[in-house]
PDB file of N, CA and C in Angstrom:
ATOM      1  N   UNK A   1     -26.346   0.568 -15.831  1.00  0.00           N
ATOM      2  CA  UNK A   1     -26.277   0.999 -14.452  1.00  0.00           C
ATOM      3  C   UNK A   1     -24.844   1.338 -14.070  1.00  0.00           C
ATOM      4  N   UNK A   2     -24.717   2.331 -13.216  1.00  0.00           N
ATOM      5  CA  UNK A   2     -23.401   2.761 -12.754  1.00  0.00           C
ATOM      6  C   UNK A   2     -23.030   1.975 -11.496  1.00  0.00           C
ATOM      7  N   UNK A   3     -21.772   1.531 -11.426  1.00  0.00           N
ATOM      8  CA  UNK A   3     -21.293   0.801 -10.252  1.00  0.00           C
ATOM      9  C   UNK A   3     -21.206   1.735  -9.056  1.00  0.00           C
ATOM     10  N   UNK A   4     -21.689   1.283  -7.914  1.00  0.00           N
ATOM     11  CA  UNK A   4     -21.677   2.070  -6.688  1.00  0.00           C
ATOM     12  C   UNK A   4     -20.995   1.238  -5.597  1.00  0.00           C
ATOM     13  N   UNK A   5     -19.714   1.514  -5.304  1.00  0.00           N
ATOM     14  CA  UNK A   5     -18.962   0.676  -4.360  1.00  0.00           C
ATOM     15  C   UNK A   5     -19.402   0.857  -2.904  1.00  0.00           C
ATOM     16  N   UNK A   6     -19.164  -0.178  -2.123  1.00  0.00           N
ATOM     17  CA  UNK A   6     -19.457  -0.160  -0.690  1.00  0.00           C
ATOM     18  C   UNK A   6     -18.205  -0.502   0.096  1.00  0.00           C
ATOM     19  N   UNK A   7     -18.039   0.135   1.251  1.00  0.00           N
ATOM     20  CA  UNK A   7     -16.985  -0.250   2.196  1.00  0.00           C
ATOM     21  C   UNK A   7     -17.461  -1.366   3.107  1.00  0.00           C
ATOM     22  N   UNK A   8     -18.737  -1.383   3.372  1.00  0.00           N
ATOM     23  CA  UNK A   8     -19.297  -2.313   4.344  1.00  0.00           C
ATOM     24  C   UNK A   8     -19.313  -3.736   3.779  1.00  0.00           C
ATOM     25  N   UNK A   9     -18.960  -4.679   4.627  1.00  0.00           N
ATOM     26  CA  UNK A   9     -19.023  -6.088   4.241  1.00  0.00           C
ATOM     27  C   UNK A   9     -20.376  -6.652   4.683  1.00  0.00           C
ATOM     28  N   UNK A  10     -20.777  -7.786   4.132  1.00  0.00           N
ATOM     29  CA  UNK A  10     -22.050  -8.372   4.571  1.00  0.00           C
ATOM     30  C   UNK A  10     -22.113  -8.617   6.078  1.00  0.00           C
ATOM     31  N   UNK A  11     -21.008  -9.085   6.674  1.00  0.00           N
ATOM     32  CA  UNK A  11     -21.006  -9.345   8.118  1.00  0.00           C
ATOM     33  C   UNK A  11     -21.155  -8.061   8.929  1.00  0.00           C
ATOM     34  N   UNK A  12     -20.476  -6.988   8.499  1.00  0.00           N
ATOM     35  CA  UNK A  12     -20.622  -5.713   9.204  1.00  0.00           C
ATOM     36  C   UNK A  12     -22.040  -5.182   9.057  1.00  0.00           C
ATOM     37  N   UNK A  13     -22.621  -5.368   7.893  1.00  0.00           N
ATOM     38  CA  UNK A  13     -23.987  -4.918   7.659  1.00  0.00           C
ATOM     39  C   UNK A  13     -24.952  -5.619   8.615  1.00  0.00           C
ATOM     40  N   UNK A  14     -24.766  -6.918   8.777  1.00  0.00           N
ATOM     41  CA  UNK A  14     -25.595  -7.691   9.713  1.00  0.00           C
ATOM     42  C   UNK A  14     -25.358  -7.220  11.138  1.00  0.00           C
ATOM     43  N   UNK A  15     -24.094  -6.981  11.492  1.00  0.00           N
ATOM     44  CA  UNK A  15     -23.753  -6.547  12.853  1.00  0.00           C
ATOM     45  C   UNK A  15     -24.424  -5.216  13.186  1.00  0.00           C
ATOM     46  N   UNK A  16     -24.324  -4.254  12.288  1.00  0.00           N
ATOM     47  CA  UNK A  16     -24.923  -2.940  12.542  1.00  0.00           C
ATOM     48  C   UNK A  16     -26.449  -3.025  12.503  1.00  0.00           C
ATOM     49  N   UNK A  17     -26.994  -3.783  11.565  1.00  0.00           N
ATOM     50  CA  UNK A  17     -28.452  -3.923  11.466  1.00  0.00           C
ATOM     51  C   UNK A  17     -29.040  -4.628  12.682  1.00  0.00           C
ATOM     52  N   UNK A  18     -28.365  -5.648  13.192  1.00  0.00           N
ATOM     53  CA  UNK A  18     -28.888  -6.374  14.349  1.00  0.00           C
ATOM     54  C   UNK A  18     -28.880  -5.507  15.598  1.00  0.00           C
ATOM     55  N   UNK A  19     -28.034  -4.517  15.609  1.00  0.00           N
ATOM     56  CA  UNK A  19     -27.945  -3.579  16.713  1.00  0.00           C
ATOM     57  C   UNK A  19     -29.017  -2.501  16.616  1.00  0.00           C
ATOM     58  N   UNK A  20     -29.637  -2.352  15.466  1.00  0.00           N
ATOM     59  CA  UNK A  20     -30.536  -1.238  15.190  1.00  0.00           C
ATOM     60  C   UNK A  20     -31.751  -1.173  16.100  1.00  0.00           C
ATOM     61  N   UNK A  21     -32.231  -2.308  16.583  1.00  0.00           N
ATOM     62  CA  UNK A  21     -33.426  -2.248  17.424  1.00  0.00           C
ATOM     63  C   UNK A  21     -33.160  -1.525  18.740  1.00  0.00           C
ATOM     64  N   UNK A  22     -31.932  -1.496  19.193  1.00  0.00           N
ATOM     65  CA  UNK A  22     -31.626  -0.803  20.444  1.00  0.00           C
ATOM     66  C   UNK A  22     -31.111   0.617  20.217  1.00  0.00           C
ATOM     67  N   UNK A  23     -30.808   0.968  18.974  1.00  0.00           N
ATOM     68  CA  UNK A  23     -30.205   2.271  18.747  1.00  0.00           C
ATOM     69  C   UNK A  23     -31.169   3.411  19.059  1.00  0.00           C
ATOM     70  N   UNK A  24     -32.465   3.212  18.807  1.00  0.00           N
ATOM     71  CA  UNK A  24     -33.448   4.239  19.167  1.00  0.00           C
ATOM     72  C   UNK A  24     -33.465   4.472  20.680  1.00  0.00           C
ATOM     73  N   UNK A  25     -33.344   3.410  21.444  1.00  0.00           N
ATOM     74  CA  UNK A  25     -33.329   3.537  22.905  1.00  0.00           C
ATOM     75  C   UNK A  25     -32.063   4.249  23.380  1.00  0.00           C
ATOM     76  N   UNK A  26     -30.935   3.928  22.789  1.00  0.00           N
ATOM     77  CA  UNK A  26     -29.664   4.544  23.186  1.00  0.00           C
ATOM     78  C   UNK A  26     -29.656   6.042  22.891  1.00  0.00           C
ATOM     79  N   UNK A  27     -30.380   6.446  21.859  1.00  0.00           N
ATOM     80  CA  UNK A  27     -30.405   7.872  21.509  1.00  0.00           C
ATOM     81  C   UNK A  27     -31.026   8.718  22.609  1.00  0.00           C
ATOM     82  N   UNK A  28     -31.734   8.112  23.544  1.00  0.00           N
ATOM     83  CA  UNK A  28     -32.328   8.862  24.653  1.00  0.00           C
ATOM     84  C   UNK A  28     -31.365   9.055  25.822  1.00  0.00           C
ATOM     85  N   UNK A  29     -30.175   8.472  25.748  1.00  0.00           N
ATOM     86  CA  UNK A  29     -29.183   8.688  26.803  1.00  0.00           C
ATOM     87  C   UNK A  29     -28.722  10.146  26.796  1.00  0.00           C
ATOM     88  N   UNK A  30     -28.333  10.674  27.953  1.00  0.00           N
ATOM     89  CA  UNK A  30     -27.879  12.068  28.012  1.00  0.00           C
ATOM     90  C   UNK A  30     -26.746  12.350  27.028  1.00  0.00           C
ATOM     91  N   UNK A  31     -26.822  13.461  26.351  1.00  0.00           N
ATOM     92  CA  UNK A  31     -25.805  13.985  25.429  1.00  0.00           C
ATOM     93  C   UNK A  31     -25.680  13.240  24.106  1.00  0.00           C
ATOM     94  N   UNK A  32     -26.381  12.139  23.928  1.00  0.00           N
ATOM     95  CA  UNK A  32     -26.213  11.385  22.684  1.00  0.00           C
ATOM     96  C   UNK A  32     -26.822  12.107  21.482  1.00  0.00           C
ATOM     97  N   UNK A  33     -27.940  12.789  21.666  1.00  0.00           N
ATOM     98  CA  UNK A  33     -28.538  13.549  20.556  1.00  0.00           C
ATOM     99  C   UNK A  33     -27.615  14.683  20.135  1.00  0.00           C
ATOM    100  N   UNK A  34     -27.007  15.345  21.100  1.00  0.00           N
ATOM    101  CA  UNK A  34     -26.087  16.434  20.776  1.00  0.00           C
ATOM    102  C   UNK A  34     -24.874  15.902  20.004  1.00  0.00           C
ATOM    103  N   UNK A  35     -24.391  14.749  20.408  1.00  0.00           N
ATOM    104  CA  UNK A  35     -23.277  14.121  19.714  1.00  0.00           C
ATOM    105  C   UNK A  35     -23.681  13.754  18.283  1.00  0.00           C
ATOM    106  N   UNK A  36     -24.903  13.260  18.117  1.00  0.00           N
ATOM    107  CA  UNK A  36     -25.399  12.907  16.781  1.00  0.00           C
ATOM    108  C   UNK A  36     -25.467  14.136  15.881  1.00  0.00           C
ATOM    109  N   UNK A  37     -25.845  15.268  16.442  1.00  0.00           N
ATOM    110  CA  UNK A  37     -25.899  16.512  15.668  1.00  0.00           C
ATOM    111  C   UNK A  37     -24.496  16.905  15.205  1.00  0.00           C
ATOM    112  N   UNK A  38     -23.514  16.734  16.063  1.00  0.00           N
ATOM    113  CA  UNK A  38     -22.125  17.017  15.671  1.00  0.00           C
ATOM    114  C   UNK A  38     -21.683  16.092  14.530  1.00  0.00           C
ATOM    115  N   UNK A  39     -22.012  14.819  14.633  1.00  0.00           N
ATOM    116  CA  UNK A  39     -21.654  13.870  13.583  1.00  0.00           C
ATOM    117  C   UNK A  39     -22.411  14.164  12.289  1.00  0.00           C
ATOM    118  N   UNK A  40     -23.636  14.640  12.425  1.00  0.00           N
ATOM    119  CA  UNK A  40     -24.454  14.941  11.253  1.00  0.00           C
ATOM    120  C   UNK A  40     -23.745  15.928  10.321  1.00  0.00           C
ATOM    121  N   UNK A  41     -23.070  16.905  10.874  1.00  0.00           N
ATOM    122  CA  UNK A  41     -22.355  17.881  10.047  1.00  0.00           C
ATOM    123  C   UNK A  41     -21.350  17.194   9.129  1.00  0.00           C
ATOM    124  N   UNK A  42     -20.723  16.130   9.594  1.00  0.00           N
ATOM    125  CA  UNK A  42     -19.732  15.405   8.792  1.00  0.00           C
ATOM    126  C   UNK A  42     -20.362  14.525   7.714  1.00  0.00           C
ATOM    127  N   UNK A  43     -21.655  14.248   7.834  1.00  0.00           N
ATOM    128  CA  UNK A  43     -22.287  13.374   6.840  1.00  0.00           C
ATOM    129  C   UNK A  43     -22.356  14.026   5.461  1.00  0.00           C
ATOM    130  N   UNK A  44     -22.165  15.328   5.392  1.00  0.00           N
ATOM    131  CA  UNK A  44     -22.151  16.014   4.092  1.00  0.00           C
ATOM    132  C   UNK A  44     -20.967  15.540   3.243  1.00  0.00           C
ATOM    133  N   UNK A  45     -19.941  14.991   3.887  1.00  0.00           N
ATOM    134  CA  UNK A  45     -18.737  14.536   3.183  1.00  0.00           C
ATOM    135  C   UNK A  45     -18.755  13.031   2.880  1.00  0.00           C
ATOM    136  N   UNK A  46     -19.797  12.358   3.267  1.00  0.00           N
ATOM    137  CA  UNK A  46     -19.886  10.897   3.125  1.00  0.00           C
ATOM    138  C   UNK A  46     -20.481  10.539   1.766  1.00  0.00           C
ATOM    139  N   UNK A  47     -19.909   9.520   1.142  1.00  0.00           N
ATOM    140  CA  UNK A  47     -20.422   9.007  -0.127  1.00  0.00           C
ATOM    141  C   UNK A  47     -21.717   8.245   0.127  1.00  0.00           C
ATOM    142  N   UNK A  48     -22.749   8.561  -0.644  1.00  0.00           N
ATOM    143  CA  UNK A  48     -24.025   7.871  -0.524  1.00  0.00           C
ATOM    144  C   UNK A  48     -24.185   6.963  -1.740  1.00  0.00           C
ATOM    145  N   UNK A  49     -24.084   5.670  -1.493  1.00  0.00           N
ATOM    146  CA  UNK A  49     -24.196   4.680  -2.573  1.00  0.00           C
ATOM    147  C   UNK A  49     -25.627   4.647  -3.103  1.00  0.00           C
ATOM    148  N   UNK A  50     -25.814   4.011  -4.220  1.00  0.00           N
ATOM    149  CA  UNK A  50     -27.156   3.816  -4.765  1.00  0.00           C
ATOM    150  C   UNK A  50     -27.246   2.412  -5.361  1.00  0.00           C
ATOM    151  N   UNK A  51     -28.481   1.943  -5.499  1.00  0.00           N
ATOM    152  CA  UNK A  51     -28.684   0.612  -6.053  1.00  0.00           C
ATOM    153  C   UNK A  51     -28.720  -0.488  -5.006  1.00  0.00           C
ATOM    154  N   UNK A  52     -28.752  -0.124  -3.744  1.00  0.00           N
ATOM    155  CA  UNK A  52     -28.821  -1.086  -2.640  1.00  0.00           C
ATOM    156  C   UNK A  52     -30.019  -0.718  -1.770  1.00  0.00           C
ATOM    157  N   UNK A  53     -30.350  -1.575  -0.826  1.00  0.00           N
ATOM    158  CA  UNK A  53     -31.414  -1.271   0.113  1.00  0.00           C
ATOM    159  C   UNK A  53     -31.012  -0.121   1.034  1.00  0.00           C
ATOM    160  N   UNK A  54     -31.999   0.587   1.543  1.00  0.00           N
ATOM    161  CA  UNK A  54     -31.742   1.749   2.401  1.00  0.00           C
ATOM    162  C   UNK A  54     -30.883   1.391   3.607  1.00  0.00           C
ATOM    163  N   UNK A  55     -31.155   0.266   4.241  1.00  0.00           N
ATOM    164  CA  UNK A  55     -30.391  -0.143   5.428  1.00  0.00           C
ATOM    165  C   UNK A  55     -28.912  -0.340   5.101  1.00  0.00           C
ATOM    166  N   UNK A  56     -28.618  -0.975   3.974  1.00  0.00           N
ATOM    167  CA  UNK A  56     -27.235  -1.192   3.560  1.00  0.00           C
ATOM    168  C   UNK A  56     -26.544   0.135   3.262  1.00  0.00           C
ATOM    169  N   UNK A  57     -27.232   1.025   2.575  1.00  0.00           N
ATOM    170  CA  UNK A  57     -26.660   2.332   2.243  1.00  0.00           C
ATOM    171  C   UNK A  57     -26.357   3.119   3.515  1.00  0.00           C
ATOM    172  N   UNK A  58     -27.293   3.142   4.441  1.00  0.00           N
ATOM    173  CA  UNK A  58     -27.100   3.871   5.702  1.00  0.00           C
ATOM    174  C   UNK A  58     -25.961   3.257   6.507  1.00  0.00           C
ATOM    175  N   UNK A  59     -25.923   1.931   6.594  1.00  0.00           N
ATOM    176  CA  UNK A  59     -24.839   1.270   7.329  1.00  0.00           C
ATOM    177  C   UNK A  59     -23.481   1.550   6.693  1.00  0.00           C
ATOM    178  N   UNK A  60     -23.434   1.633   5.376  1.00  0.00           N
ATOM    179  CA  UNK A  60     -22.200   1.980   4.679  1.00  0.00           C
ATOM    180  C   UNK A  60     -21.782   3.417   5.033  1.00  0.00           C
ATOM    181  N   UNK A  61     -22.744   4.304   5.133  1.00  0.00           N
ATOM    182  CA  UNK A  61     -22.466   5.683   5.543  1.00  0.00           C
ATOM    183  C   UNK A  61     -21.926   5.716   6.971  1.00  0.00           C
ATOM    184  N   UNK A  62     -22.483   4.880   7.843  1.00  0.00           N
ATOM    185  CA  UNK A  62     -22.031   4.802   9.236  1.00  0.00           C
ATOM    186  C   UNK A  62     -20.554   4.425   9.286  1.00  0.00           C
ATOM    187  N   UNK A  63     -20.169   3.403   8.521  1.00  0.00           N
ATOM    188  CA  UNK A  63     -18.769   2.963   8.500  1.00  0.00           C
ATOM    189  C   UNK A  63     -17.866   4.115   8.065  1.00  0.00           C
ATOM    190  N   UNK A  64     -18.252   4.809   7.010  1.00  0.00           N
ATOM    191  CA  UNK A  64     -17.450   5.939   6.528  1.00  0.00           C
ATOM    192  C   UNK A  64     -17.319   7.020   7.595  1.00  0.00           C
ATOM    193  N   UNK A  65     -18.431   7.334   8.252  1.00  0.00           N
ATOM    194  CA  UNK A  65     -18.435   8.374   9.283  1.00  0.00           C
ATOM    195  C   UNK A  65     -17.538   7.984  10.459  1.00  0.00           C
ATOM    196  N   UNK A  66     -17.577   6.730  10.851  1.00  0.00           N
ATOM    197  CA  UNK A  66     -16.732   6.258  11.949  1.00  0.00           C
ATOM    198  C   UNK A  66     -15.247   6.316  11.576  1.00  0.00           C
ATOM    199  N   UNK A  67     -14.926   6.013  10.325  1.00  0.00           N
ATOM    200  CA  UNK A  67     -13.537   6.117   9.864  1.00  0.00           C
ATOM    201  C   UNK A  67     -13.106   7.578   9.822  1.00  0.00           C
ATOM    202  N   UNK A  68     -13.955   8.438   9.261  1.00  0.00           N
ATOM    203  CA  UNK A  68     -13.637   9.874   9.157  1.00  0.00           C
ATOM    204  C   UNK A  68     -13.326  10.493  10.514  1.00  0.00           C
ATOM    205  N   UNK A  69     -14.034  10.037  11.541  1.00  0.00           N
ATOM    206  CA  UNK A  69     -13.888  10.619  12.873  1.00  0.00           C
ATOM    207  C   UNK A  69     -12.932   9.847  13.774  1.00  0.00           C
ATOM    208  N   UNK A  70     -12.211   8.886  13.203  1.00  0.00           N
ATOM    209  CA  UNK A  70     -11.161   8.200  13.947  1.00  0.00           C
ATOM    210  C   UNK A  70     -11.605   7.087  14.879  1.00  0.00           C
ATOM    211  N   UNK A  71     -12.863   6.670  14.785  1.00  0.00           N
ATOM    212  CA  UNK A  71     -13.338   5.578  15.642  1.00  0.00           C
ATOM    213  C   UNK A  71     -12.962   4.220  15.072  1.00  0.00           C
ATOM    214  N   UNK A  72     -12.776   4.161  13.769  1.00  0.00           N
ATOM    215  CA  UNK A  72     -12.345   2.947  13.079  1.00  0.00           C
ATOM    216  C   UNK A  72     -11.205   3.307  12.149  1.00  0.00           C
ATOM    217  N   UNK A  73     -10.435   2.287  11.771  1.00  0.00           N
ATOM    218  CA  UNK A  73      -9.453   2.484  10.708  1.00  0.00           C
ATOM    219  C   UNK A  73      -9.679   1.394   9.656  1.00  0.00           C
ATOM    220  N   UNK A  74      -8.976   1.489   8.577  1.00  0.00           N
ATOM    221  CA  UNK A  74      -9.196   0.565   7.460  1.00  0.00           C
ATOM    222  C   UNK A  74      -8.971  -0.886   7.882  1.00  0.00           C
ATOM    223  N   UNK A  75      -8.007  -1.138   8.759  1.00  0.00           N
ATOM    224  CA  UNK A  75      -7.753  -2.503   9.217  1.00  0.00           C
ATOM    225  C   UNK A  75      -8.955  -3.086   9.957  1.00  0.00           C
ATOM    226  N   UNK A  76      -9.704  -2.220  10.628  1.00  0.00           N
ATOM    227  CA  UNK A  76     -10.884  -2.691  11.359  1.00  0.00           C
ATOM    228  C   UNK A  76     -11.948  -3.241  10.424  1.00  0.00           C
ATOM    229  N   UNK A  77     -11.988  -2.738   9.203  1.00  0.00           N
ATOM    230  CA  UNK A  77     -12.963  -3.245   8.231  1.00  0.00           C
ATOM    231  C   UNK A  77     -12.693  -4.720   7.945  1.00  0.00           C
ATOM    232  N   UNK A  78     -11.417  -5.083   7.879  1.00  0.00           N
ATOM    233  CA  UNK A  78     -11.068  -6.485   7.622  1.00  0.00           C
ATOM    234  C   UNK A  78     -11.492  -7.401   8.761  1.00  0.00           C
ATOM    235  N   UNK A  79     -11.388  -6.913  10.011  1.00  0.00           N
ATOM    236  CA  UNK A  79     -11.771  -7.750  11.145  1.00  0.00           C
ATOM    237  C   UNK A  79     -13.283  -7.881  11.253  1.00  0.00           C
ATOM    238  N   UNK A  80     -14.005  -6.832  10.885  1.00  0.00           N
ATOM    239  CA  UNK A  80     -15.463  -6.887  10.848  1.00  0.00           C
ATOM    240  C   UNK A  80     -16.163  -6.863  12.179  1.00  0.00           C
ATOM    241  N   UNK A  81     -15.476  -6.591  13.251  1.00  0.00           N
ATOM    242  CA  UNK A  81     -16.106  -6.561  14.576  1.00  0.00           C
ATOM    243  C   UNK A  81     -16.234  -5.112  15.044  1.00  0.00           C
ATOM    244  N   UNK A  82     -17.204  -4.418  14.514  1.00  0.00           N
ATOM    245  CA  UNK A  82     -17.385  -2.994  14.781  1.00  0.00           C
ATOM    246  C   UNK A  82     -17.740  -2.746  16.247  1.00  0.00           C
ATOM    247  N   UNK A  83     -18.643  -3.546  16.801  1.00  0.00           N
ATOM    248  CA  UNK A  83     -19.084  -3.314  18.179  1.00  0.00           C
ATOM    249  C   UNK A  83     -18.003  -3.619  19.209  1.00  0.00           C
ATOM    250  N   UNK A  84     -16.947  -4.335  18.813  1.00  0.00           N
ATOM    251  CA  UNK A  84     -15.819  -4.541  19.720  1.00  0.00           C
ATOM    252  C   UNK A  84     -14.908  -3.322  19.746  1.00  0.00           C
ATOM    253  N   UNK A  85     -14.911  -2.546  18.690  1.00  0.00           N
ATOM    254  CA  UNK A  85     -14.007  -1.396  18.556  1.00  0.00           C
ATOM    255  C   UNK A  85     -14.687  -0.082  18.932  1.00  0.00           C
ATOM    256  N   UNK A  86     -15.970   0.057  18.613  1.00  0.00           N
ATOM    257  CA  UNK A  86     -16.702   1.312  18.804  1.00  0.00           C
ATOM    258  C   UNK A  86     -17.841   1.070  19.787  1.00  0.00           C
ATOM    259  N   UNK A  87     -18.009   1.981  20.748  1.00  0.00           N
ATOM    260  CA  UNK A  87     -19.074   1.772  21.725  1.00  0.00           C
ATOM    261  C   UNK A  87     -20.453   2.005  21.102  1.00  0.00           C
ATOM    262  N   UNK A  88     -21.457   1.446  21.731  1.00  0.00           N
ATOM    263  CA  UNK A  88     -22.824   1.476  21.207  1.00  0.00           C
ATOM    264  C   UNK A  88     -23.379   2.887  21.091  1.00  0.00           C
ATOM    265  N   UNK A  89     -23.012   3.764  22.007  1.00  0.00           N
ATOM    266  CA  UNK A  89     -23.505   5.143  21.954  1.00  0.00           C
ATOM    267  C   UNK A  89     -23.001   5.850  20.701  1.00  0.00           C
ATOM    268  N   UNK A  90     -21.742   5.613  20.349  1.00  0.00           N
ATOM    269  CA  UNK A  90     -21.158   6.226  19.153  1.00  0.00           C
ATOM    270  C   UNK A  90     -21.808   5.664  17.895  1.00  0.00           C
ATOM    271  N   UNK A  91     -22.008   4.350  17.852  1.00  0.00           N
ATOM    272  CA  UNK A  91     -22.666   3.740  16.694  1.00  0.00           C
ATOM    273  C   UNK A  91     -24.089   4.277  16.560  1.00  0.00           C
ATOM    274  N   UNK A  92     -24.799   4.384  17.678  1.00  0.00           N
ATOM    275  CA  UNK A  92     -26.174   4.894  17.636  1.00  0.00           C
ATOM    276  C   UNK A  92     -26.217   6.328  17.122  1.00  0.00           C
ATOM    277  N   UNK A  93     -25.314   7.164  17.599  1.00  0.00           N
ATOM    278  CA  UNK A  93     -25.276   8.559  17.149  1.00  0.00           C
ATOM    279  C   UNK A  93     -24.936   8.641  15.662  1.00  0.00           C
ATOM    280  N   UNK A  94     -23.996   7.809  15.208  1.00  0.00           N
ATOM    281  CA  UNK A  94     -23.619   7.790  13.789  1.00  0.00           C
ATOM    282  C   UNK A  94     -24.787   7.299  12.933  1.00  0.00           C
ATOM    283  N   UNK A  95     -25.488   6.279  13.404  1.00  0.00           N
ATOM    284  CA  UNK A  95     -26.631   5.745  12.650  1.00  0.00           C
ATOM    285  C   UNK A  95     -27.744   6.794  12.570  1.00  0.00           C
ATOM    286  N   UNK A  96     -27.984   7.485  13.658  1.00  0.00           N
ATOM    287  CA  UNK A  96     -28.990   8.549  13.689  1.00  0.00           C
ATOM    288  C   UNK A  96     -28.633   9.638  12.674  1.00  0.00           C
ATOM    289  N   UNK A  97     -27.371  10.089  12.696  1.00  0.00           N
ATOM    290  CA  UNK A  97     -26.912  11.148  11.792  1.00  0.00           C
ATOM    291  C   UNK A  97     -27.008  10.709  10.333  1.00  0.00           C
ATOM    292  N   UNK A  98     -26.567   9.500  10.036  1.00  0.00           N
ATOM    293  CA  UNK A  98     -26.582   9.007   8.652  1.00  0.00           C
ATOM    294  C   UNK A  98     -28.003   8.762   8.160  1.00  0.00           C
ATOM    295  N   UNK A  99     -28.868   8.274   9.028  1.00  0.00           N
ATOM    296  CA  UNK A  99     -30.269   8.060   8.650  1.00  0.00           C
ATOM    297  C   UNK A  99     -30.932   9.382   8.295  1.00  0.00           C
ATOM    298  N   UNK A 100     -30.643  10.391   9.091  1.00  0.00           N
ATOM    299  CA  UNK A 100     -31.209  11.722   8.829  1.00  0.00           C
ATOM    300  C   UNK A 100     -30.723  12.259   7.482  1.00  0.00           C
ATOM    301  N   UNK A 101     -29.417  12.174   7.219  1.00  0.00           N
ATOM    302  CA  UNK A 101     -28.859  12.661   5.950  1.00  0.00           C
ATOM    303  C   UNK A 101     -29.448  11.873   4.774  1.00  0.00           C
ATOM    304  N   UNK A 102     -29.547  10.562   4.914  1.00  0.00           N
ATOM    305  CA  UNK A 102     -30.082   9.728   3.840  1.00  0.00           C
ATOM    306  C   UNK A 102     -31.530  10.113   3.527  1.00  0.00           C
ATOM    307  N   UNK A 103     -32.350  10.289   4.557  1.00  0.00           N
ATOM    308  CA  UNK A 103     -33.746  10.701   4.341  1.00  0.00           C
ATOM    309  C   UNK A 103     -33.825  12.036   3.618  1.00  0.00           C
ATOM    310  N   UNK A 104     -32.984  12.980   4.023  1.00  0.00           N
ATOM    311  CA  UNK A 104     -32.985  14.290   3.378  1.00  0.00           C
ATOM    312  C   UNK A 104     -32.609  14.195   1.903  1.00  0.00           C
ATOM    313  N   UNK A 105     -31.573  13.431   1.601  1.00  0.00           N
ATOM    314  CA  UNK A 105     -31.116  13.293   0.213  1.00  0.00           C
ATOM    315  C   UNK A 105     -32.179  12.595  -0.633  1.00  0.00           C
ATOM    316  N   UNK A 106     -32.774  11.525  -0.125  1.00  0.00           N
ATOM    317  CA  UNK A 106     -33.790  10.816  -0.910  1.00  0.00           C
ATOM    318  C   UNK A 106     -35.055  11.654  -1.055  1.00  0.00           C
ATOM    319  N   UNK A 107     -35.414  12.432  -0.036  1.00  0.00           N
ATOM    320  CA  UNK A 107     -36.572  13.328  -0.141  1.00  0.00           C
ATOM    321  C   UNK A 107     -36.330  14.407  -1.193  1.00  0.00           C
ATOM    322  N   UNK A 108     -35.109  14.948  -1.239  1.00  0.00           N
ATOM    323  CA  UNK A 108     -34.770  15.963  -2.242  1.00  0.00           C
ATOM    324  C   UNK A 108     -34.862  15.385  -3.645  1.00  0.00           C
ATOM    325  N   UNK A 109     -34.375  14.149  -3.812  1.00  0.00           N
ATOM    326  CA  UNK A 109     -34.444  13.513  -5.140  1.00  0.00           C
ATOM    327  C   UNK A 109     -35.888  13.283  -5.560  1.00  0.00           C
ATOM    328  N   UNK A 110     -36.726  12.848  -4.619  1.00  0.00           N
ATOM    329  CA  UNK A 110     -38.142  12.619  -4.932  1.00  0.00           C
ATOM    330  C   UNK A 110     -38.822  13.935  -5.285  1.00  0.00           C
ATOM    331  N   UNK A 111     -38.528  14.971  -4.551  1.00  0.00           N
ATOM    332  CA  UNK A 111     -39.130  16.280  -4.817  1.00  0.00           C
ATOM    333  C   UNK A 111     -38.714  16.805  -6.192  1.00  0.00           C
ATOM    334  N   UNK A 112     -37.474  16.547  -6.579  1.00  0.00           N
ATOM    335  CA  UNK A 112     -36.979  16.967  -7.898  1.00  0.00           C
ATOM    336  C   UNK A 112     -37.666  16.229  -9.025  1.00  0.00           C
ATOM    337  N   UNK A 113     -38.004  14.972  -8.808  1.00  0.00           N
ATOM    338  CA  UNK A 113     -38.692  14.179  -9.830  1.00  0.00           C
ATOM    339  C   UNK A 113     -40.156  14.558  -9.952  1.00  0.00           C
ATOM    340  N   UNK A 114     -40.736  15.034  -8.856  1.00  0.00           N
ATOM    341  CA  UNK A 114     -42.157  15.374  -8.860  1.00  0.00           C
ATOM    342  C   UNK A 114     -42.452  16.680  -9.574  1.00  0.00           C
ATOM    343  N   UNK A 115     -41.435  17.475  -9.810  1.00  0.00           N
ATOM    344  CA  UNK A 115     -41.652  18.785 -10.435  1.00  0.00           C
ATOM    345  C   UNK A 115     -41.924  18.667 -11.909  1.00  0.00           C
TER     346      UNK A 115
END
């Protein structure tokens, strides 16, 4: 098996996952879907890990996307308090964008295997 590194720590993974039940509701706020579409374009540059659960992979993509767009910096990863640094609307939009990209990539891989 090939090693697939993660930026996300276990505590950050729990923090983002525990927030997930409200992220669908936040996506209905005005302008949040449009913001998610803007972030989605950047997900093409995000590393997609493999060998982990889907939630962990998506949360790892979220961290990368937030760093790429200046919402987090590397020092913030050490502190592990994402929701103190980034507002919930931004996290929800990033999670929406990364979930969409992850589904597309995994669907493409499945379609390639089915041929």
